Amino acid sequence: MTDWSVVRCSGGAYYETKWFVWGSFKAIRLGPKRIQRCPVHHKFEMTERVRKDELTSEIQQEASQHRDSGII
């Protein structure tokens, strides 16, 4: 099982999502980025994982308040 990952949408919001390297039923994969529904803006946006070296406590706190559906 994969843990929740912190991601940033093209609108600048941070949230948590399940991020599987090998596939997804809720996103369109475009290399390291995906198009999926942002739970903050409630629309489909380009999404990318936040790198560990960019992950501050403020970003982690914001992301923990918003989580997308648990469906892969």
N, C-alpha and C. Protein backbone atom coordinates (compact mmCIF):
# COMPACT_ATOMS: atom_id res chain seq x y z
N MET A 1 0.85 -1.19 0.00
CA MET A 1 0.00 0.00 0.00
C MET A 1 0.88 1.24 0.00
N THR A 2 0.48 2.24 -0.72
CA THR A 2 1.22 3.49 -0.81
C THR A 2 0.68 4.50 0.18
N ASP A 3 1.57 5.27 0.78
CA ASP A 3 1.17 6.31 1.72
C ASP A 3 0.61 7.52 0.98
N TRP A 4 0.01 8.41 1.73
CA TRP A 4 -0.48 9.65 1.16
C TRP A 4 0.71 10.54 0.82
N SER A 5 0.66 11.20 -0.34
CA SER A 5 1.70 12.12 -0.78
C SER A 5 1.17 13.53 -0.78
N VAL A 6 2.04 14.50 -0.51
CA VAL A 6 1.67 15.91 -0.60
C VAL A 6 1.91 16.34 -2.04
N VAL A 7 0.89 16.98 -2.63
CA VAL A 7 0.97 17.47 -4.00
C VAL A 7 0.56 18.94 -4.08
N ARG A 8 0.95 19.58 -5.18
CA ARG A 8 0.58 20.98 -5.43
C ARG A 8 -0.15 21.03 -6.77
N CYS A 9 -1.29 21.69 -6.80
CA CYS A 9 -2.03 21.83 -8.05
C CYS A 9 -1.53 23.07 -8.78
N SER A 10 -1.91 23.21 -10.03
CA SER A 10 -1.48 24.36 -10.84
C SER A 10 -2.02 25.69 -10.29
N GLY A 11 -3.04 25.62 -9.44
CA GLY A 11 -3.57 26.82 -8.80
C GLY A 11 -2.83 27.20 -7.53
N GLY A 12 -1.86 26.36 -7.12
CA GLY A 12 -1.03 26.67 -5.95
C GLY A 12 -1.48 26.06 -4.64
N ALA A 13 -2.55 25.27 -4.66
CA ALA A 13 -3.03 24.65 -3.42
C ALA A 13 -2.26 23.36 -3.13
N TYR A 14 -2.11 23.06 -1.86
CA TYR A 14 -1.46 21.82 -1.43
C TYR A 14 -2.51 20.90 -0.83
N TYR A 15 -2.40 19.61 -1.13
CA TYR A 15 -3.29 18.63 -0.55
C TYR A 15 -2.65 17.26 -0.58
N GLU A 16 -3.27 16.30 0.08
CA GLU A 16 -2.76 14.93 0.13
C GLU A 16 -3.53 14.05 -0.83
N THR A 17 -2.82 13.14 -1.47
CA THR A 17 -3.43 12.21 -2.40
C THR A 17 -2.63 10.91 -2.39
N LYS A 18 -3.23 9.84 -2.86
CA LYS A 18 -2.50 8.59 -3.08
C LYS A 18 -1.78 8.73 -4.41
N TRP A 19 -0.49 8.47 -4.45
CA TRP A 19 0.30 8.64 -5.66
C TRP A 19 0.98 7.32 -5.99
N PHE A 20 0.46 6.63 -6.98
CA PHE A 20 1.01 5.36 -7.41
C PHE A 20 1.80 5.56 -8.68
N VAL A 21 2.99 5.03 -8.74
CA VAL A 21 3.84 5.16 -9.91
C VAL A 21 3.25 4.41 -11.10
N TRP A 22 2.63 3.28 -10.84
CA TRP A 22 2.19 2.38 -11.91
C TRP A 22 0.79 2.63 -12.44
N GLY A 23 0.01 3.53 -11.86
CA GLY A 23 -1.31 3.80 -12.43
C GLY A 23 -2.26 4.50 -11.49
N SER A 24 -3.40 4.89 -12.05
CA SER A 24 -4.42 5.59 -11.27
C SER A 24 -5.74 5.54 -12.03
N PHE A 25 -6.84 5.43 -11.28
CA PHE A 25 -8.17 5.47 -11.87
C PHE A 25 -8.77 6.86 -11.82
N LYS A 26 -8.17 7.76 -11.06
CA LYS A 26 -8.76 9.09 -10.85
C LYS A 26 -7.97 10.22 -11.48
N ALA A 27 -6.90 9.89 -12.23
CA ALA A 27 -6.05 10.92 -12.81
C ALA A 27 -5.56 10.51 -14.19
N ILE A 28 -5.23 11.51 -14.98
CA ILE A 28 -4.59 11.28 -16.26
C ILE A 28 -3.11 11.51 -16.04
N ARG A 29 -2.32 10.48 -16.28
CA ARG A 29 -0.88 10.55 -16.03
C ARG A 29 -0.17 11.20 -17.21
N LEU A 30 0.70 12.17 -16.90
CA LEU A 30 1.51 12.86 -17.90
C LEU A 30 2.95 12.90 -17.39
N GLY A 31 3.62 11.77 -17.41
CA GLY A 31 4.97 11.69 -16.86
C GLY A 31 4.93 11.92 -15.37
N PRO A 32 5.73 12.86 -14.85
CA PRO A 32 5.75 13.10 -13.41
C PRO A 32 4.58 13.94 -12.91
N LYS A 33 3.74 14.40 -13.81
CA LYS A 33 2.58 15.22 -13.43
C LYS A 33 1.31 14.46 -13.76
N ARG A 34 0.21 14.93 -13.18
CA ARG A 34 -1.10 14.32 -13.42
C ARG A 34 -2.15 15.41 -13.52
N ILE A 35 -3.22 15.07 -14.19
CA ILE A 35 -4.40 15.93 -14.18
C ILE A 35 -5.41 15.21 -13.30
N GLN A 36 -5.79 15.85 -12.21
CA GLN A 36 -6.77 15.27 -11.31
C GLN A 36 -7.56 16.37 -10.61
N ARG A 37 -8.64 15.97 -9.99
CA ARG A 37 -9.54 16.93 -9.34
C ARG A 37 -8.91 17.43 -8.04
N CYS A 38 -8.76 18.74 -7.93
CA CYS A 38 -8.22 19.37 -6.73
C CYS A 38 -9.35 19.51 -5.70
N PRO A 39 -9.17 18.97 -4.48
CA PRO A 39 -10.21 19.08 -3.46
C PRO A 39 -10.33 20.49 -2.86
N VAL A 40 -9.38 21.36 -3.16
CA VAL A 40 -9.43 22.74 -2.66
C VAL A 40 -10.22 23.61 -3.62
N HIS A 41 -9.90 23.54 -4.91
CA HIS A 41 -10.56 24.36 -5.93
C HIS A 41 -11.76 23.69 -6.58
N HIS A 42 -11.94 22.39 -6.33
CA HIS A 42 -13.07 21.62 -6.85
C HIS A 42 -13.14 21.62 -8.37
N LYS A 43 -11.96 21.51 -9.00
CA LYS A 43 -11.91 21.40 -10.46
C LYS A 43 -10.66 20.61 -10.84
N PHE A 44 -10.61 20.16 -12.10
CA PHE A 44 -9.46 19.40 -12.58
C PHE A 44 -8.31 20.35 -12.88
N GLU A 45 -7.13 20.00 -12.36
CA GLU A 45 -5.94 20.83 -12.55
C GLU A 45 -4.71 19.94 -12.69
N MET A 46 -3.64 20.49 -13.24
CA MET A 46 -2.35 19.81 -13.31
C MET A 46 -1.81 19.70 -11.88
N THR A 47 -1.31 18.53 -11.54
CA THR A 47 -0.83 18.26 -10.19
C THR A 47 0.55 17.62 -10.24
N GLU A 48 1.41 17.99 -9.28
CA GLU A 48 2.70 17.34 -9.17
C GLU A 48 3.05 17.15 -7.70
N ARG A 49 3.84 16.11 -7.44
CA ARG A 49 4.26 15.83 -6.07
C ARG A 49 5.22 16.91 -5.59
N VAL A 50 5.13 17.22 -4.30
CA VAL A 50 6.06 18.15 -3.68
C VAL A 50 7.29 17.35 -3.27
N ARG A 51 8.46 17.79 -3.71
CA ARG A 51 9.69 17.09 -3.36
C ARG A 51 9.97 17.21 -1.86
N LYS A 52 10.62 16.21 -1.31
CA LYS A 52 10.92 16.18 0.13
C LYS A 52 11.69 17.41 0.58
N ASP A 53 12.62 17.91 -0.25
CA ASP A 53 13.42 19.07 0.15
C ASP A 53 12.62 20.38 0.10
N GLU A 54 11.44 20.38 -0.52
CA GLU A 54 10.56 21.56 -0.56
C GLU A 54 9.48 21.50 0.52
N LEU A 55 9.34 20.37 1.17
CA LEU A 55 8.23 20.13 2.09
C LEU A 55 8.50 20.78 3.45
N THR A 56 7.90 21.93 3.68
CA THR A 56 8.03 22.63 4.96
C THR A 56 6.89 22.21 5.88
N SER A 57 7.00 22.56 7.14
CA SER A 57 5.92 22.22 8.09
C SER A 57 4.63 22.96 7.73
N GLU A 58 4.74 24.18 7.18
CA GLU A 58 3.56 24.94 6.78
C GLU A 58 2.84 24.25 5.61
N ILE A 59 3.61 23.78 4.63
CA ILE A 59 3.02 23.09 3.50
C ILE A 59 2.37 21.79 3.96
N GLN A 60 3.05 21.06 4.82
CA GLN A 60 2.51 19.81 5.33
C GLN A 60 1.22 20.04 6.11
N GLN A 61 1.17 21.09 6.89
CA GLN A 61 -0.03 21.41 7.66
C GLN A 61 -1.19 21.77 6.73
N GLU A 62 -0.94 22.60 5.72
CA GLU A 62 -1.99 22.96 4.76
C GLU A 62 -2.50 21.72 4.02
N ALA A 63 -1.58 20.88 3.58
CA ALA A 63 -1.95 19.68 2.83
C ALA A 63 -2.78 18.72 3.68
N SER A 64 -2.47 18.62 4.96
CA SER A 64 -3.18 17.69 5.83
C SER A 64 -4.65 18.09 6.04
N GLN A 65 -4.98 19.33 5.74
CA GLN A 65 -6.36 19.80 5.89
C GLN A 65 -7.21 19.48 4.67
N HIS A 66 -6.57 19.04 3.59
CA HIS A 66 -7.27 18.74 2.34
C HIS A 66 -6.78 17.41 1.81
N ARG A 67 -7.67 16.46 1.66
CA ARG A 67 -7.31 15.15 1.16
C ARG A 67 -8.31 14.74 0.09
N ASP A 68 -7.81 14.25 -1.03
CA ASP A 68 -8.73 13.82 -2.07
C ASP A 68 -9.28 12.43 -1.72
N SER A 69 -10.13 11.91 -2.57
CA SER A 69 -10.73 10.60 -2.30
C SER A 69 -9.65 9.53 -2.26
N GLY A 70 -9.91 8.47 -1.52
CA GLY A 70 -8.96 7.39 -1.39
C GLY A 70 -8.94 6.42 -2.55
N ILE A 71 -9.75 6.68 -3.56
CA ILE A 71 -9.78 5.79 -4.73
C ILE A 71 -8.50 5.98 -5.50
N ILE A 72 -7.93 4.91 -5.97
CA ILE A 72 -6.64 4.98 -6.68
C ILE A 72 -6.81 5.78 -7.95
